[in-house]
Amino acid sequence: MSLQEKIEQNLVQAMKDKDELKVSTLRMLKSALKNKEIEKKTALNDDEIIQVTQSQIKSRQDSITLYTKGDRTELAEKEEKEIAILKEYLPEQLSEEEIKNKVKEAIQKTGAQDIKDMGKVMGVLMGELQGKADGSTISAIVKEELQKN
């Protein structure tokens, strides 16, 4: 079953269960996916669906930051619940230790020496870890590892 079909099935089930938060979250996701399809003029594959889902999660994380600063905890909590729903459509996330191992491999593979080579390492990693780890986490670990050298 494709990711698109899974989202559709879960939306129907959420409607039957009268789970308003899940229904609204999945409708927003479907809308974002449809907009991306219109932009691309072709159907999205699972990798592209994962990218759109990650951007939706990032958007909500930014909102949480703003709501927290504005002392709107009820809205921040709602965004956190939406993130939990969206994460169901991402592949299993790698642990920090697994990411560190991948970063060390990429540093050896690219021959990176210092922080100036971060772009090369990130280029290799983002293709390999797409959807399996958060970009900011990867970036922080790469920076940390390159500063050790």
C-alpha atoms as a PDB file:
ATOM      1  CA  MET A   1       0.000   0.000   0.000  1.00  0.00           C
ATOM      2  CA  SER A   2       1.369   3.401  -0.941  1.00  0.00           C
ATOM      3  CA  LEU A   3       1.705   6.186   1.585  1.00  0.00           C
ATOM      4  CA  GLN A   4      -0.998   8.160  -0.239  1.00  0.00           C
ATOM      5  CA  GLU A   5      -3.437   5.252   0.148  1.00  0.00           C
ATOM      6  CA  LYS A   6      -2.545   4.866   3.831  1.00  0.00           C
ATOM      7  CA  ILE A   7      -3.237   8.560   4.465  1.00  0.00           C
ATOM      8  CA  GLU A   8      -6.564   8.279   2.640  1.00  0.00           C
ATOM      9  CA  GLN A   9      -7.570   5.157   4.623  1.00  0.00           C
ATOM     10  CA  ASN A  10      -6.601   6.743   7.927  1.00  0.00           C
ATOM     11  CA  LEU A  11      -8.583   9.879   7.060  1.00  0.00           C
ATOM     12  CA  VAL A  12     -11.704   7.821   6.374  1.00  0.00           C
ATOM     13  CA  GLN A  13     -11.198   5.891   9.631  1.00  0.00           C
ATOM     14  CA  ALA A  14     -10.669   9.114  11.590  1.00  0.00           C
ATOM     15  CA  MET A  15     -13.938  10.465  10.163  1.00  0.00           C
ATOM     16  CA  LYS A  16     -15.743   7.289  11.243  1.00  0.00           C
ATOM     17  CA  ASP A  17     -14.166   7.566  14.702  1.00  0.00           C
ATOM     18  CA  LYS A  18     -15.110  11.272  14.861  1.00  0.00           C
ATOM     19  CA  ASP A  19     -11.481  12.142  15.732  1.00  0.00           C
ATOM     20  CA  GLU A  20     -11.629  15.835  14.806  1.00  0.00           C
ATOM     21  CA  LEU A  21      -7.930  16.573  15.388  1.00  0.00           C
ATOM     22  CA  LYS A  22      -6.791  13.670  13.216  1.00  0.00           C
ATOM     23  CA  VAL A  23      -9.321  14.534  10.501  1.00  0.00           C
ATOM     24  CA  SER A  24      -8.202  18.164  10.348  1.00  0.00           C
ATOM     25  CA  THR A  25      -4.499  17.239  10.432  1.00  0.00           C
ATOM     26  CA  LEU A  26      -4.846  14.658   7.648  1.00  0.00           C
ATOM     27  CA  ARG A  27      -6.930  17.065   5.558  1.00  0.00           C
ATOM     28  CA  MET A  28      -4.184  19.687   5.872  1.00  0.00           C
ATOM     29  CA  LEU A  29      -1.615  17.078   4.866  1.00  0.00           C
ATOM     30  CA  LYS A  30      -3.711  15.977   1.878  1.00  0.00           C
ATOM     31  CA  SER A  31      -4.083  19.615   0.850  1.00  0.00           C
ATOM     32  CA  ALA A  32      -0.309  20.160   1.030  1.00  0.00           C
ATOM     33  CA  LEU A  33       0.230  16.977  -1.003  1.00  0.00           C
ATOM     34  CA  LYS A  34      -2.307  18.083  -3.615  1.00  0.00           C
ATOM     35  CA  ASN A  35      -0.636  21.497  -3.891  1.00  0.00           C
ATOM     36  CA  LYS A  36       2.733  19.800  -4.433  1.00  0.00           C
ATOM     37  CA  GLU A  37       1.196  17.540  -7.110  1.00  0.00           C
ATOM     38  CA  ILE A  38      -0.236  20.573  -8.890  1.00  0.00           C
ATOM     39  CA  GLU A  39       3.147  22.300  -8.668  1.00  0.00           C
ATOM     40  CA  LYS A  40       4.948  19.219 -10.081  1.00  0.00           C
ATOM     41  CA  LYS A  41       2.149  18.348 -12.541  1.00  0.00           C
ATOM     42  CA  THR A  42       2.588  14.634 -11.700  1.00  0.00           C
ATOM     43  CA  ALA A  43       1.618  12.269  -8.904  1.00  0.00           C
ATOM     44  CA  LEU A  44       3.935  12.166  -5.906  1.00  0.00           C
ATOM     45  CA  ASN A  45       5.956   9.103  -4.984  1.00  0.00           C
ATOM     46  CA  ASP A  46       6.454   8.013  -1.367  1.00  0.00           C
ATOM     47  CA  ASP A  47       9.762   9.911  -0.997  1.00  0.00           C
ATOM     48  CA  GLU A  48       8.101  13.148  -2.088  1.00  0.00           C
ATOM     49  CA  ILE A  49       5.186  12.504   0.279  1.00  0.00           C
ATOM     50  CA  ILE A  50       7.709  12.072   3.093  1.00  0.00           C
ATOM     51  CA  GLN A  51       9.340  15.401   2.178  1.00  0.00           C
ATOM     52  CA  VAL A  52       5.985  17.206   2.247  1.00  0.00           C
ATOM     53  CA  THR A  53       5.140  15.551   5.571  1.00  0.00           C
ATOM     54  CA  GLN A  54       8.485  16.639   7.017  1.00  0.00           C
ATOM     55  CA  SER A  55       7.871  20.222   5.897  1.00  0.00           C
ATOM     56  CA  GLN A  56       4.449  20.094   7.586  1.00  0.00           C
ATOM     57  CA  ILE A  57       6.116  18.894  10.798  1.00  0.00           C
ATOM     58  CA  LYS A  58       8.760  21.624  10.576  1.00  0.00           C
ATOM     59  CA  SER A  59       6.042  24.226  10.115  1.00  0.00           C
ATOM     60  CA  ARG A  60       4.286  23.005  13.244  1.00  0.00           C
ATOM     61  CA  GLN A  61       7.548  22.984  15.215  1.00  0.00           C
ATOM     62  CA  ASP A  62       8.051  26.635  14.251  1.00  0.00           C
ATOM     63  CA  SER A  63       4.487  27.368  15.379  1.00  0.00           C
ATOM     64  CA  ILE A  64       5.132  25.654  18.717  1.00  0.00           C
ATOM     65  CA  THR A  65       8.126  27.930  19.277  1.00  0.00           C
ATOM     66  CA  LEU A  66       6.039  31.012  18.553  1.00  0.00           C
ATOM     67  CA  TYR A  67       3.077  29.853  20.653  1.00  0.00           C
ATOM     68  CA  THR A  68       5.364  29.054  23.564  1.00  0.00           C
ATOM     69  CA  LYS A  69       6.967  32.511  23.375  1.00  0.00           C
ATOM     70  CA  GLY A  70       3.487  34.041  23.234  1.00  0.00           C
ATOM     71  CA  ASP A  71       2.381  32.019  26.270  1.00  0.00           C
ATOM     72  CA  ARG A  72      -0.266  30.132  24.253  1.00  0.00           C
ATOM     73  CA  THR A  73       0.370  26.665  25.650  1.00  0.00           C
ATOM     74  CA  GLU A  74      -3.006  25.262  24.537  1.00  0.00           C
ATOM     75  CA  LEU A  75      -2.155  26.014  20.897  1.00  0.00           C
ATOM     76  CA  ALA A  76       1.363  24.634  21.308  1.00  0.00           C
ATOM     77  CA  GLU A  77      -0.086  21.402  22.723  1.00  0.00           C
ATOM     78  CA  LYS A  78      -2.447  21.102  19.747  1.00  0.00           C
ATOM     79  CA  GLU A  79       0.496  21.497  17.347  1.00  0.00           C
ATOM     80  CA  GLU A  80       2.428  18.791  19.253  1.00  0.00           C
ATOM     81  CA  LYS A  81      -0.502  16.400  18.882  1.00  0.00           C
ATOM     82  CA  GLU A  82      -0.618  17.150  15.142  1.00  0.00           C
ATOM     83  CA  ILE A  83       3.115  16.415  14.876  1.00  0.00           C
ATOM     84  CA  ALA A  84       2.535  13.035  16.554  1.00  0.00           C
ATOM     85  CA  ILE A  85      -0.137  12.238  13.944  1.00  0.00           C
ATOM     86  CA  LEU A  86       2.109  13.303  11.044  1.00  0.00           C
ATOM     87  CA  LYS A  87       5.083  11.291  12.318  1.00  0.00           C
ATOM     88  CA  GLU A  88       3.074   8.111  11.676  1.00  0.00           C
ATOM     89  CA  TYR A  89       3.736   8.673   7.956  1.00  0.00           C
ATOM     90  CA  LEU A  90       7.510   8.973   8.258  1.00  0.00           C
ATOM     91  CA  PRO A  91       9.905   6.020   8.178  1.00  0.00           C
ATOM     92  CA  GLU A  92      11.319   4.916  11.508  1.00  0.00           C
ATOM     93  CA  GLN A  93      13.701   7.606  12.719  1.00  0.00           C
ATOM     94  CA  LEU A  94      17.348   6.765  13.372  1.00  0.00           C
ATOM     95  CA  SER A  95      18.801   7.123  16.846  1.00  0.00           C
ATOM     96  CA  GLU A  96      21.470   9.732  17.510  1.00  0.00           C
ATOM     97  CA  GLU A  97      24.110   6.977  17.720  1.00  0.00           C
ATOM     98  CA  GLU A  98      23.106   5.605  14.307  1.00  0.00           C
ATOM     99  CA  ILE A  99      23.264   9.106  12.837  1.00  0.00           C
ATOM    100  CA  LYS A 100      26.753   9.609  14.326  1.00  0.00           C
ATOM    101  CA  ASN A 101      27.939   6.386  12.679  1.00  0.00           C
ATOM    102  CA  LYS A 102      26.533   7.496   9.308  1.00  0.00           C
ATOM    103  CA  VAL A 103      28.179  10.911   9.737  1.00  0.00           C
ATOM    104  CA  LYS A 104      31.569   9.322  10.455  1.00  0.00           C
ATOM    105  CA  GLU A 105      31.209   7.126   7.347  1.00  0.00           C
ATOM    106  CA  ALA A 106      30.302  10.155   5.220  1.00  0.00           C
ATOM    107  CA  ILE A 107      33.268  12.140   6.572  1.00  0.00           C
ATOM    108  CA  GLN A 108      35.624   9.293   5.614  1.00  0.00           C
ATOM    109  CA  LYS A 109      33.950   8.852   2.227  1.00  0.00           C
ATOM    110  CA  THR A 110      34.230  12.559   1.340  1.00  0.00           C
ATOM    111  CA  GLY A 111      37.635  13.080   2.950  1.00  0.00           C
ATOM    112  CA  ALA A 112      36.288  16.064   4.887  1.00  0.00           C
ATOM    113  CA  GLN A 113      38.878  17.731   7.093  1.00  0.00           C
ATOM    114  CA  ASP A 114      37.182  20.686   8.765  1.00  0.00           C
ATOM    115  CA  ILE A 115      33.986  22.708   8.982  1.00  0.00           C
ATOM    116  CA  LYS A 116      34.550  24.115   5.473  1.00  0.00           C
ATOM    117  CA  ASP A 117      33.753  20.641   4.091  1.00  0.00           C
ATOM    118  CA  MET A 118      30.398  20.480   5.846  1.00  0.00           C
ATOM    119  CA  GLY A 119      28.479  20.983   2.580  1.00  0.00           C
ATOM    120  CA  LYS A 120      30.059  17.894   0.992  1.00  0.00           C
ATOM    121  CA  VAL A 121      29.223  15.743   4.004  1.00  0.00           C
ATOM    122  CA  MET A 122      25.661  17.076   4.256  1.00  0.00           C
ATOM    123  CA  GLY A 123      25.112  16.419   0.556  1.00  0.00           C
ATOM    124  CA  VAL A 124      26.001  12.757   0.979  1.00  0.00           C
ATOM    125  CA  LEU A 125      23.999  12.363   4.177  1.00  0.00           C
ATOM    126  CA  MET A 126      20.796  14.102   3.122  1.00  0.00           C
ATOM    127  CA  GLY A 127      20.408  11.760   0.182  1.00  0.00           C
ATOM    128  CA  GLU A 128      21.067   8.724   2.349  1.00  0.00           C
ATOM    129  CA  LEU A 129      19.092   9.722   5.449  1.00  0.00           C
ATOM    130  CA  GLN A 130      16.162  11.461   3.750  1.00  0.00           C
ATOM    131  CA  GLY A 131      13.113  10.983   5.935  1.00  0.00           C
ATOM    132  CA  LYS A 132      14.982   8.897   8.494  1.00  0.00           C
ATOM    133  CA  ALA A 133      16.414  11.780  10.508  1.00  0.00           C
ATOM    134  CA  ASP A 134      15.789  15.470  11.056  1.00  0.00           C
ATOM    135  CA  GLY A 135      18.062  17.732   8.983  1.00  0.00           C
ATOM    136  CA  SER A 136      18.906  19.998  11.918  1.00  0.00           C
ATOM    137  CA  THR A 137      19.977  17.000  14.010  1.00  0.00           C
ATOM    138  CA  ILE A 138      22.169  15.723  11.185  1.00  0.00           C
ATOM    139  CA  SER A 139      23.676  19.192  10.729  1.00  0.00           C
ATOM    140  CA  ALA A 140      24.488  19.538  14.439  1.00  0.00           C
ATOM    141  CA  ILE A 141      26.172  16.132  14.535  1.00  0.00           C
ATOM    142  CA  VAL A 142      28.184  16.850  11.365  1.00  0.00           C
ATOM    143  CA  LYS A 143      29.344  20.167  12.832  1.00  0.00           C
ATOM    144  CA  GLU A 144      30.319  18.465  16.088  1.00  0.00           C
ATOM    145  CA  GLU A 145      32.246  15.679  14.316  1.00  0.00           C
ATOM    146  CA  LEU A 146      34.066  18.071  11.954  1.00  0.00           C
ATOM    147  CA  GLN A 147      35.153  20.297  14.837  1.00  0.00           C
ATOM    148  CA  LYS A 148      36.783  17.267  16.498  1.00  0.00           C
ATOM    149  CA  ASN A 149      39.146  16.859  13.537  1.00  0.00           C
END
